[in-house]
Amino acid sequence: MRVIVRVLIPVLDENGEQSRISPHFGRAPYLALWTLMRTVKY
C-alpha cells in the first residue's frame, strides 16, 4: 500500500528547495507543494 502526503508550505520567493519560509501563511506570496510518498507493508 502506498501512502501519499501533500503539504503546502508558505514561502517568500521562487527558489525551489532553497526558498525562505514565510512566517505568515495568509500573507505569503508563494506556496510550495511538497509531496511525500512511502510504501507500507502490512
N, C-alpha and C. Protein backbone atom coordinates (compact mmCIF):
# COMPACT_ATOMS: atom_id res chain seq x y z
N MET A 1 0.84 -1.17 0.00
CA MET A 1 0.00 0.00 0.00
C MET A 1 0.89 1.24 0.00
N ARG A 2 0.54 2.20 -0.81
CA ARG A 2 1.33 3.43 -0.88
C ARG A 2 0.57 4.56 -0.17
N VAL A 3 1.28 5.30 0.66
CA VAL A 3 0.73 6.43 1.38
C VAL A 3 1.33 7.70 0.78
N ILE A 4 0.46 8.64 0.40
CA ILE A 4 0.91 9.91 -0.17
C ILE A 4 0.42 11.03 0.73
N VAL A 5 1.35 11.91 1.12
CA VAL A 5 1.02 13.07 1.95
C VAL A 5 1.49 14.31 1.20
N ARG A 6 0.59 15.28 1.04
CA ARG A 6 0.95 16.54 0.39
C ARG A 6 0.86 17.66 1.41
N VAL A 7 1.89 18.50 1.43
CA VAL A 7 1.98 19.59 2.42
C VAL A 7 2.20 20.90 1.67
N LEU A 8 1.42 21.93 2.01
CA LEU A 8 1.63 23.27 1.47
C LEU A 8 2.47 24.06 2.46
N ILE A 9 3.54 24.67 1.96
CA ILE A 9 4.44 25.44 2.81
C ILE A 9 4.47 26.88 2.28
N PRO A 10 4.18 27.87 3.12
CA PRO A 10 4.24 29.26 2.67
C PRO A 10 5.70 29.70 2.51
N VAL A 11 6.04 30.24 1.34
CA VAL A 11 7.42 30.68 1.09
C VAL A 11 7.45 32.11 0.57
N LEU A 12 8.62 32.75 0.70
CA LEU A 12 8.79 34.15 0.33
C LEU A 12 9.31 34.37 -1.08
N ASP A 13 9.89 33.33 -1.71
CA ASP A 13 10.45 33.51 -3.05
C ASP A 13 10.35 32.22 -3.84
N GLU A 14 10.75 32.27 -5.11
CA GLU A 14 10.66 31.13 -6.02
C GLU A 14 12.03 30.50 -6.25
N ASN A 15 12.60 29.90 -5.23
CA ASN A 15 13.93 29.29 -5.35
C ASN A 15 13.90 27.80 -5.07
N GLY A 16 12.79 27.15 -5.32
CA GLY A 16 12.70 25.71 -5.10
C GLY A 16 12.94 25.34 -3.64
N GLU A 17 13.78 24.35 -3.43
CA GLU A 17 14.07 23.89 -2.06
C GLU A 17 14.85 24.91 -1.24
N GLN A 18 15.42 25.91 -1.90
CA GLN A 18 16.19 26.94 -1.20
C GLN A 18 15.33 28.15 -0.80
N SER A 19 14.03 28.09 -1.06
CA SER A 19 13.13 29.21 -0.74
C SER A 19 13.06 29.42 0.76
N ARG A 20 12.92 30.69 1.13
CA ARG A 20 12.78 31.03 2.55
C ARG A 20 11.33 30.86 2.97
N ILE A 21 11.11 30.26 4.13
CA ILE A 21 9.77 30.02 4.64
C ILE A 21 9.19 31.32 5.17
N SER A 22 7.92 31.57 4.82
CA SER A 22 7.23 32.77 5.27
C SER A 22 6.69 32.56 6.69
N PRO A 23 6.80 33.57 7.54
CA PRO A 23 6.28 33.43 8.91
C PRO A 23 4.76 33.53 8.99
N HIS A 24 4.09 33.98 7.91
CA HIS A 24 2.64 34.17 7.96
C HIS A 24 2.00 33.49 6.76
N PHE A 25 1.23 32.43 6.99
CA PHE A 25 0.65 31.62 5.92
C PHE A 25 -0.27 32.45 5.02
N GLY A 26 -1.10 33.31 5.61
CA GLY A 26 -2.08 34.07 4.85
C GLY A 26 -1.50 35.18 4.00
N ARG A 27 -0.28 35.60 4.26
CA ARG A 27 0.32 36.70 3.51
C ARG A 27 1.53 36.28 2.69
N ALA A 28 1.77 35.01 2.57
CA ALA A 28 2.92 34.51 1.80
C ALA A 28 2.66 34.74 0.31
N PRO A 29 3.65 35.25 -0.41
CA PRO A 29 3.46 35.48 -1.84
C PRO A 29 3.41 34.19 -2.66
N TYR A 30 3.98 33.11 -2.12
CA TYR A 30 4.01 31.83 -2.84
C TYR A 30 3.72 30.68 -1.87
N LEU A 31 3.27 29.57 -2.44
CA LEU A 31 3.09 28.34 -1.68
C LEU A 31 3.86 27.23 -2.38
N ALA A 32 4.64 26.49 -1.63
CA ALA A 32 5.37 25.35 -2.17
C ALA A 32 4.59 24.08 -1.83
N LEU A 33 4.44 23.20 -2.80
CA LEU A 33 3.77 21.93 -2.58
C LEU A 33 4.82 20.84 -2.44
N TRP A 34 4.83 20.18 -1.30
CA TRP A 34 5.79 19.12 -1.00
C TRP A 34 5.03 17.81 -0.97
N THR A 35 5.45 16.83 -1.76
CA THR A 35 4.78 15.54 -1.82
C THR A 35 5.69 14.47 -1.23
N LEU A 36 5.17 13.74 -0.27
CA LEU A 36 5.91 12.65 0.38
C LEU A 36 5.20 11.34 0.07
N MET A 37 5.96 10.34 -0.40
CA MET A 37 5.38 9.03 -0.70
C MET A 37 6.13 7.96 0.04
N ARG A 38 5.39 7.00 0.52
CA ARG A 38 6.01 5.89 1.25
C ARG A 38 5.20 4.62 0.99
N THR A 39 5.90 3.52 0.84
CA THR A 39 5.25 2.22 0.69
C THR A 39 5.22 1.54 2.05
N VAL A 40 4.03 1.11 2.45
CA VAL A 40 3.84 0.49 3.75
C VAL A 40 3.39 -0.94 3.55
N LYS A 41 4.04 -1.88 4.24
CA LYS A 41 3.64 -3.28 4.15
C LYS A 41 2.90 -3.66 5.43
N TYR A 42 1.80 -4.36 5.27
CA TYR A 42 1.03 -4.85 6.41
C TYR A 42 1.19 -6.34 6.57
